[in-house]
């Protein structure tokens, strides 16, 4: 039990939590600003709503599936964790969505928004949709 707690503390301590402007610059450099007509501010709002900018967060859902990473991408549809039946629409391992380098998460998010739109994310629908999200990129120089 003590080893498990220690490992959990190490995992939490090593998780990257982006600053909002750092994330905005990273997403802009990856071509997310205006991708499929989704504003950069909407992407940053989405990441805040889903993960509070934490790259290594996971969330277990009531249906037994799990959401992974900064965009909380679901293993039922978009990634495979090897333990849960998945459509694996992004053709990646879910562990790739938990890296501090979020390039795999960005590519998968692009796949999702290309197929289902930004409304695929509950966090975006409940916290960002039809709201002024400009504050998410204010003073970021993007």
N, C-alpha and C. Protein backbone atom coordinates (compact mmCIF):
# COMPACT_ATOMS: atom_id res chain seq x y z
N UNK A 1 0.82 -1.19 0.00
CA UNK A 1 0.00 0.00 0.00
C UNK A 1 0.87 1.26 0.00
N UNK A 2 1.92 1.28 0.81
CA UNK A 2 2.79 2.45 0.87
C UNK A 2 3.46 2.69 -0.47
N UNK A 3 3.84 1.63 -1.17
CA UNK A 3 4.47 1.78 -2.48
C UNK A 3 3.48 2.39 -3.46
N UNK A 4 2.24 1.95 -3.43
CA UNK A 4 1.20 2.48 -4.32
C UNK A 4 1.01 3.98 -4.09
N UNK A 5 0.96 4.40 -2.84
CA UNK A 5 0.80 5.82 -2.52
C UNK A 5 2.01 6.61 -3.02
N UNK A 6 3.21 6.07 -2.82
CA UNK A 6 4.41 6.73 -3.29
C UNK A 6 4.40 6.88 -4.80
N UNK A 7 4.03 5.81 -5.51
CA UNK A 7 3.97 5.88 -6.97
C UNK A 7 2.93 6.90 -7.43
N UNK A 8 1.81 6.93 -6.76
CA UNK A 8 0.76 7.90 -7.09
C UNK A 8 1.27 9.33 -6.88
N UNK A 9 1.95 9.57 -5.78
CA UNK A 9 2.49 10.90 -5.51
C UNK A 9 3.53 11.30 -6.54
N UNK A 10 4.37 10.36 -6.95
CA UNK A 10 5.38 10.65 -7.98
C UNK A 10 4.69 10.98 -9.30
N UNK A 11 3.66 10.22 -9.66
CA UNK A 11 2.93 10.46 -10.91
C UNK A 11 2.27 11.84 -10.89
N UNK A 12 1.65 12.19 -9.78
CA UNK A 12 0.99 13.48 -9.67
C UNK A 12 2.03 14.61 -9.71
N UNK A 13 3.13 14.41 -9.02
CA UNK A 13 4.16 15.44 -8.97
C UNK A 13 4.80 15.68 -10.33
N UNK A 14 4.82 14.66 -11.19
CA UNK A 14 5.47 14.81 -12.49
C UNK A 14 4.50 15.24 -13.59
N UNK A 15 3.23 15.35 -13.27
CA UNK A 15 2.26 15.77 -14.27
C UNK A 15 2.48 17.22 -14.66
N UNK A 16 2.45 17.48 -15.95
CA UNK A 16 2.59 18.86 -16.42
C UNK A 16 1.22 19.52 -16.41
N UNK A 17 1.16 20.66 -15.80
CA UNK A 17 -0.04 21.48 -15.85
C UNK A 17 0.37 22.76 -16.57
N UNK A 18 -0.18 22.95 -17.75
CA UNK A 18 0.15 24.11 -18.56
C UNK A 18 -0.36 25.39 -17.93
N UNK A 19 0.35 26.46 -18.13
CA UNK A 19 -0.14 27.81 -17.91
C UNK A 19 -1.03 28.11 -19.12
N UNK A 20 -2.09 28.88 -18.96
CA UNK A 20 -3.04 29.10 -20.06
C UNK A 20 -2.37 29.72 -21.27
N UNK A 21 -1.46 30.66 -21.08
CA UNK A 21 -0.79 31.28 -22.23
C UNK A 21 0.21 30.34 -22.88
N UNK A 22 0.88 29.54 -22.09
CA UNK A 22 1.78 28.52 -22.65
C UNK A 22 0.99 27.55 -23.52
N UNK A 23 -0.18 27.15 -23.03
CA UNK A 23 -1.03 26.25 -23.82
C UNK A 23 -1.52 26.95 -25.08
N UNK A 24 -1.94 28.19 -24.97
CA UNK A 24 -2.41 28.94 -26.14
C UNK A 24 -1.32 29.00 -27.21
N UNK A 25 -0.09 29.30 -26.81
CA UNK A 25 1.02 29.36 -27.77
C UNK A 25 1.30 27.98 -28.38
N UNK A 26 1.24 26.95 -27.56
CA UNK A 26 1.48 25.58 -28.05
C UNK A 26 0.42 25.17 -29.07
N UNK A 27 -0.83 25.45 -28.75
CA UNK A 27 -1.93 25.11 -29.66
C UNK A 27 -1.86 25.92 -30.95
N UNK A 28 -1.51 27.19 -30.84
CA UNK A 28 -1.39 28.02 -32.04
C UNK A 28 -0.28 27.49 -32.94
N UNK A 29 0.86 27.14 -32.35
CA UNK A 29 1.99 26.61 -33.12
C UNK A 29 1.62 25.29 -33.81
N UNK A 30 0.67 24.56 -33.24
CA UNK A 30 0.23 23.28 -33.81
C UNK A 30 -0.90 23.44 -34.82
N UNK A 31 -1.27 24.67 -35.13
CA UNK A 31 -2.30 24.90 -36.14
C UNK A 31 -3.72 24.76 -35.65
N UNK A 32 -3.93 24.93 -34.35
CA UNK A 32 -5.28 24.76 -33.80
C UNK A 32 -6.14 26.02 -33.93
N UNK A 33 -5.51 27.18 -34.06
CA UNK A 33 -6.27 28.42 -34.17
C UNK A 33 -7.05 28.43 -35.48
N UNK A 34 -8.36 28.36 -35.39
CA UNK A 34 -9.21 28.35 -36.58
C UNK A 34 -9.37 26.98 -37.22
N UNK A 35 -8.75 25.94 -36.66
CA UNK A 35 -8.90 24.61 -37.24
C UNK A 35 -10.37 24.20 -37.18
N UNK A 36 -10.92 23.86 -38.32
CA UNK A 36 -12.34 23.52 -38.47
C UNK A 36 -13.24 24.60 -37.86
N UNK A 37 -12.79 25.85 -38.03
CA UNK A 37 -13.52 27.03 -37.56
C UNK A 37 -13.66 27.10 -36.04
N UNK A 38 -12.77 26.46 -35.31
CA UNK A 38 -12.77 26.53 -33.85
C UNK A 38 -11.69 27.53 -33.44
N UNK A 39 -12.08 28.53 -32.68
CA UNK A 39 -11.13 29.56 -32.28
C UNK A 39 -10.11 29.02 -31.28
N UNK A 40 -8.98 29.67 -31.24
CA UNK A 40 -7.95 29.31 -30.27
C UNK A 40 -8.49 29.45 -28.84
N UNK A 41 -9.26 30.49 -28.59
CA UNK A 41 -9.84 30.69 -27.26
C UNK A 41 -10.77 29.55 -26.88
N UNK A 42 -11.51 29.02 -27.85
CA UNK A 42 -12.38 27.87 -27.57
C UNK A 42 -11.57 26.63 -27.21
N UNK A 43 -10.44 26.41 -27.90
CA UNK A 43 -9.59 25.26 -27.57
C UNK A 43 -9.03 25.38 -26.15
N UNK A 44 -8.58 26.58 -25.79
CA UNK A 44 -8.01 26.78 -24.46
C UNK A 44 -9.10 26.64 -23.40
N UNK A 45 -10.28 27.17 -23.67
CA UNK A 45 -11.42 27.01 -22.76
C UNK A 45 -11.76 25.53 -22.60
N UNK A 46 -11.80 24.81 -23.70
CA UNK A 46 -12.09 23.38 -23.67
C UNK A 46 -11.10 22.64 -22.77
N UNK A 47 -9.81 22.92 -22.95
CA UNK A 47 -8.77 22.24 -22.15
C UNK A 47 -8.93 22.58 -20.67
N UNK A 48 -9.28 23.83 -20.38
CA UNK A 48 -9.50 24.20 -18.98
C UNK A 48 -10.72 23.47 -18.42
N UNK A 49 -11.80 23.46 -19.16
CA UNK A 49 -13.04 22.82 -18.70
C UNK A 49 -12.85 21.32 -18.48
N UNK A 50 -12.07 20.69 -19.34
CA UNK A 50 -11.91 19.24 -19.26
C UNK A 50 -10.84 18.79 -18.25
N UNK A 51 -9.73 19.53 -18.16
CA UNK A 51 -8.59 19.02 -17.39
C UNK A 51 -7.89 20.04 -16.51
N UNK A 52 -8.32 21.28 -16.56
CA UNK A 52 -7.59 22.36 -15.89
C UNK A 52 -6.15 22.40 -16.37
N UNK A 53 -5.95 22.08 -17.66
CA UNK A 53 -4.66 22.11 -18.36
C UNK A 53 -3.68 21.03 -17.88
N UNK A 54 -4.18 20.00 -17.24
CA UNK A 54 -3.33 18.92 -16.70
C UNK A 54 -3.18 17.82 -17.76
N UNK A 55 -1.94 17.51 -18.12
CA UNK A 55 -1.68 16.53 -19.18
C UNK A 55 -1.90 15.09 -18.74
N UNK A 56 -1.87 14.82 -17.46
CA UNK A 56 -1.90 13.43 -17.01
C UNK A 56 -3.15 13.05 -16.24
N UNK A 57 -4.17 13.86 -16.35
CA UNK A 57 -5.41 13.57 -15.63
C UNK A 57 -6.22 12.49 -16.37
N UNK A 58 -6.83 11.62 -15.60
CA UNK A 58 -7.77 10.64 -16.15
C UNK A 58 -9.07 10.74 -15.38
N UNK A 59 -10.15 10.33 -16.02
CA UNK A 59 -11.45 10.35 -15.37
C UNK A 59 -12.23 9.11 -15.78
N UNK A 60 -12.64 8.33 -14.81
CA UNK A 60 -13.44 7.13 -15.07
C UNK A 60 -14.90 7.53 -15.20
N UNK A 61 -15.55 7.10 -16.27
CA UNK A 61 -16.95 7.44 -16.53
C UNK A 61 -17.87 6.34 -16.02
N UNK A 62 -19.14 6.65 -15.90
CA UNK A 62 -20.11 5.69 -15.36
C UNK A 62 -20.28 4.47 -16.25
N UNK A 63 -19.98 4.59 -17.55
CA UNK A 63 -20.10 3.44 -18.45
C UNK A 63 -18.86 2.54 -18.43
N UNK A 64 -17.88 2.88 -17.58
CA UNK A 64 -16.67 2.08 -17.47
C UNK A 64 -15.53 2.56 -18.35
N UNK A 65 -15.81 3.48 -19.26
CA UNK A 65 -14.75 4.04 -20.10
C UNK A 65 -13.97 5.08 -19.31
N UNK A 66 -12.84 5.50 -19.88
CA UNK A 66 -11.97 6.47 -19.21
C UNK A 66 -11.60 7.58 -20.18
N UNK A 67 -11.54 8.80 -19.66
CA UNK A 67 -11.08 9.96 -20.43
C UNK A 67 -9.63 10.24 -20.05
N UNK A 68 -8.82 10.63 -21.04
CA UNK A 68 -7.37 10.77 -20.86
C UNK A 68 -6.85 12.14 -21.27
N UNK A 69 -5.99 12.69 -20.42
CA UNK A 69 -5.16 13.82 -20.80
C UNK A 69 -5.83 15.18 -20.82
N UNK A 70 -5.12 16.11 -21.40
CA UNK A 70 -5.48 17.52 -21.38
C UNK A 70 -6.84 17.79 -22.04
N UNK A 71 -7.20 16.97 -23.05
CA UNK A 71 -8.50 17.13 -23.71
C UNK A 71 -9.52 16.09 -23.25
N UNK A 72 -9.14 15.23 -22.29
CA UNK A 72 -10.02 14.18 -21.77
C UNK A 72 -10.65 13.37 -22.91
N UNK A 73 -9.79 12.73 -23.67
CA UNK A 73 -10.20 11.94 -24.83
C UNK A 73 -10.57 10.53 -24.37
N UNK A 74 -11.72 10.06 -24.82
CA UNK A 74 -12.33 8.84 -24.31
C UNK A 74 -11.83 7.57 -25.00
N UNK A 75 -11.59 6.55 -24.19
CA UNK A 75 -11.07 5.29 -24.73
C UNK A 75 -12.15 4.41 -25.36
N UNK A 76 -13.40 4.72 -25.20
CA UNK A 76 -14.43 3.94 -25.90
C UNK A 76 -14.36 4.22 -27.41
N UNK A 77 -14.04 5.47 -27.75
CA UNK A 77 -14.11 5.89 -29.14
C UNK A 77 -12.78 6.24 -29.78
N UNK A 78 -11.83 6.78 -29.04
CA UNK A 78 -10.71 7.46 -29.68
C UNK A 78 -9.33 6.88 -29.43
N UNK A 79 -9.11 6.18 -28.34
CA UNK A 79 -7.80 5.59 -28.04
C UNK A 79 -7.99 4.22 -27.42
N UNK A 80 -6.93 3.46 -27.38
CA UNK A 80 -7.01 2.12 -26.80
C UNK A 80 -6.10 2.01 -25.58
N UNK A 81 -6.66 1.49 -24.49
CA UNK A 81 -5.84 1.24 -23.31
C UNK A 81 -5.54 -0.25 -23.15
N UNK A 82 -5.97 -1.06 -24.11
CA UNK A 82 -5.69 -2.49 -24.09
C UNK A 82 -6.57 -3.27 -23.13
N UNK A 83 -7.45 -2.59 -22.41
CA UNK A 83 -8.30 -3.27 -21.43
C UNK A 83 -9.78 -3.06 -21.69
N UNK A 84 -10.12 -2.12 -22.55
CA UNK A 84 -11.51 -1.74 -22.77
C UNK A 84 -11.76 -1.77 -24.27
N UNK A 85 -12.86 -2.35 -24.70
CA UNK A 85 -13.17 -2.40 -26.11
C UNK A 85 -13.28 -0.98 -26.66
N UNK A 86 -12.54 -0.72 -27.73
CA UNK A 86 -12.46 0.64 -28.25
C UNK A 86 -12.54 0.67 -29.77
N UNK A 87 -13.16 1.71 -30.30
CA UNK A 87 -13.14 1.95 -31.74
C UNK A 87 -11.78 2.50 -32.16
N UNK A 88 -11.06 3.12 -31.23
CA UNK A 88 -9.72 3.67 -31.43
C UNK A 88 -9.63 4.53 -32.70
N UNK A 89 -10.52 5.51 -32.77
CA UNK A 89 -10.59 6.38 -33.94
C UNK A 89 -9.33 7.17 -34.23
N UNK A 90 -8.51 7.41 -33.21
CA UNK A 90 -7.25 8.14 -33.42
C UNK A 90 -6.08 7.20 -33.65
N UNK A 91 -6.32 5.90 -33.54
CA UNK A 91 -5.28 4.88 -33.77
C UNK A 91 -4.06 5.10 -32.88
N UNK A 92 -4.32 5.33 -31.59
CA UNK A 92 -3.22 5.52 -30.64
C UNK A 92 -3.52 4.81 -29.32
N UNK A 93 -2.47 4.61 -28.57
CA UNK A 93 -2.61 4.13 -27.21
C UNK A 93 -3.02 5.31 -26.32
N UNK A 94 -3.91 5.05 -25.39
CA UNK A 94 -4.35 6.12 -24.49
C UNK A 94 -3.18 6.70 -23.70
N UNK A 95 -2.17 5.91 -23.44
CA UNK A 95 -1.02 6.41 -22.68
C UNK A 95 -0.32 7.55 -23.41
N UNK A 96 -0.44 7.60 -24.75
CA UNK A 96 0.16 8.70 -25.51
C UNK A 96 -0.53 10.03 -25.23
N UNK A 97 -1.73 9.97 -24.68
CA UNK A 97 -2.48 11.19 -24.37
C UNK A 97 -2.13 11.75 -23.00
N UNK A 98 -1.25 11.05 -22.28
CA UNK A 98 -0.87 11.47 -20.93
C UNK A 98 0.54 12.04 -20.88
N UNK A 99 1.11 12.34 -22.02
CA UNK A 99 2.48 12.89 -22.09
C UNK A 99 2.47 14.40 -21.91
N UNK A 100 3.59 14.90 -21.38
CA UNK A 100 3.75 16.35 -21.29
C UNK A 100 3.85 16.98 -22.67
N UNK A 101 4.38 16.23 -23.63
CA UNK A 101 4.37 16.65 -25.03
C UNK A 101 2.98 16.29 -25.55
N UNK A 102 2.17 17.30 -25.82
CA UNK A 102 0.76 17.05 -26.15
C UNK A 102 0.50 16.91 -27.65
N UNK A 103 1.53 16.65 -28.44
CA UNK A 103 1.32 16.57 -29.89
C UNK A 103 0.35 15.46 -30.27
N UNK A 104 0.42 14.31 -29.61
CA UNK A 104 -0.53 13.21 -29.92
C UNK A 104 -1.94 13.61 -29.52
N UNK A 105 -2.09 14.28 -28.40
CA UNK A 105 -3.41 14.75 -27.96
C UNK A 105 -3.98 15.77 -28.95
N UNK A 106 -3.12 16.64 -29.44
CA UNK A 106 -3.55 17.64 -30.43
C UNK A 106 -4.00 16.96 -31.71
N UNK A 107 -3.23 16.01 -32.20
CA UNK A 107 -3.61 15.30 -33.43
C UNK A 107 -4.93 14.56 -33.25
N UNK A 108 -5.11 13.92 -32.11
CA UNK A 108 -6.36 13.21 -31.85
C UNK A 108 -7.52 14.19 -31.73
N UNK A 109 -7.30 15.32 -31.06
CA UNK A 109 -8.36 16.34 -30.95
C UNK A 109 -8.76 16.85 -32.33
N UNK A 110 -7.79 17.00 -33.22
CA UNK A 110 -8.10 17.41 -34.60
C UNK A 110 -8.96 16.36 -35.30
N UNK A 111 -8.65 15.09 -35.07
CA UNK A 111 -9.46 14.00 -35.65
C UNK A 111 -10.89 14.07 -35.13
N UNK A 112 -11.03 14.25 -33.83
CA UNK A 112 -12.36 14.30 -33.22
C UNK A 112 -13.17 15.47 -33.75
N UNK A 113 -12.57 16.66 -33.76
CA UNK A 113 -13.31 17.84 -34.21
C UNK A 113 -13.62 17.75 -35.71
N UNK A 114 -12.77 17.08 -36.47
CA UNK A 114 -13.03 16.88 -37.91
C UNK A 114 -14.23 15.99 -38.14
N UNK A 115 -14.43 15.03 -37.25
CA UNK A 115 -15.53 14.08 -37.42
C UNK A 115 -16.81 14.49 -36.70
N UNK A 116 -16.67 15.12 -35.53
CA UNK A 116 -17.86 15.39 -34.71
C UNK A 116 -18.04 16.85 -34.32
N UNK A 117 -17.05 17.67 -34.60
CA UNK A 117 -17.14 19.06 -34.18
C UNK A 117 -16.73 19.24 -32.73
N UNK A 118 -16.58 20.48 -32.33
CA UNK A 118 -16.15 20.80 -30.96
C UNK A 118 -17.20 20.39 -29.93
N UNK A 119 -18.45 20.25 -30.37
CA UNK A 119 -19.53 19.84 -29.45
C UNK A 119 -19.39 18.41 -28.96
N UNK A 120 -18.42 17.67 -29.48
CA UNK A 120 -18.17 16.32 -28.98
C UNK A 120 -17.77 16.35 -27.51
N UNK A 121 -17.21 17.47 -27.05
CA UNK A 121 -16.76 17.57 -25.66
C UNK A 121 -17.84 18.17 -24.78
N UNK A 122 -18.24 17.44 -23.75
CA UNK A 122 -19.23 17.91 -22.79
C UNK A 122 -18.72 19.17 -22.08
N UNK A 123 -17.44 19.18 -21.74
CA UNK A 123 -16.88 20.35 -21.06
C UNK A 123 -17.01 21.62 -21.89
N UNK A 124 -16.80 21.51 -23.19
CA UNK A 124 -16.95 22.69 -24.06
C UNK A 124 -18.41 23.12 -24.10
N UNK A 125 -19.32 22.15 -24.25
CA UNK A 125 -20.74 22.49 -24.32
C UNK A 125 -21.22 23.17 -23.03
N UNK A 126 -20.73 22.71 -21.88
CA UNK A 126 -21.23 23.25 -20.61
C UNK A 126 -20.50 24.50 -20.13
N UNK A 127 -19.25 24.70 -20.54
CA UNK A 127 -18.46 25.82 -20.00
C UNK A 127 -18.05 26.87 -21.02
N UNK A 128 -18.11 26.55 -22.31
CA UNK A 128 -17.56 27.47 -23.32
C UNK A 128 -18.58 27.89 -24.39
N UNK A 129 -19.44 27.00 -24.76
CA UNK A 129 -20.39 27.26 -25.85
C UNK A 129 -21.24 28.50 -25.56
N UNK A 130 -21.36 29.36 -26.57
CA UNK A 130 -22.17 30.58 -26.49
C UNK A 130 -21.73 31.52 -25.36
N UNK A 131 -20.45 31.47 -25.01
CA UNK A 131 -19.90 32.36 -23.99
C UNK A 131 -18.73 33.14 -24.57
N UNK A 132 -18.43 34.26 -23.95
CA UNK A 132 -17.25 35.02 -24.34
C UNK A 132 -16.04 34.31 -23.75
N UNK A 133 -15.27 33.66 -24.62
CA UNK A 133 -14.11 32.88 -24.17
C UNK A 133 -12.80 33.62 -24.43
N UNK A 134 -12.91 34.89 -24.81
CA UNK A 134 -11.70 35.65 -25.17
C UNK A 134 -10.71 35.76 -24.01
N UNK A 135 -11.20 35.70 -22.78
CA UNK A 135 -10.30 35.82 -21.63
C UNK A 135 -9.29 34.68 -21.56
N UNK A 136 -9.56 33.58 -22.22
CA UNK A 136 -8.64 32.44 -22.20
C UNK A 136 -7.34 32.71 -22.96
N UNK A 137 -7.37 33.71 -23.84
CA UNK A 137 -6.14 34.04 -24.57
C UNK A 137 -5.71 35.50 -24.38
N UNK A 138 -6.41 36.23 -23.54
CA UNK A 138 -6.07 37.62 -23.26
C UNK A 138 -4.66 37.73 -22.69
N UNK A 139 -3.89 38.67 -23.21
CA UNK A 139 -2.52 38.95 -22.77
C UNK A 139 -1.55 37.80 -23.03
N UNK A 140 -1.89 36.91 -23.95
CA UNK A 140 -0.99 35.79 -24.28
C UNK A 140 -0.13 36.05 -25.49
N UNK A 141 -0.40 37.14 -26.18
CA UNK A 141 0.40 37.46 -27.37
C UNK A 141 0.17 36.53 -28.54
N UNK A 142 -1.04 35.99 -28.63
CA UNK A 142 -1.35 35.06 -29.73
C UNK A 142 -2.43 35.63 -30.63
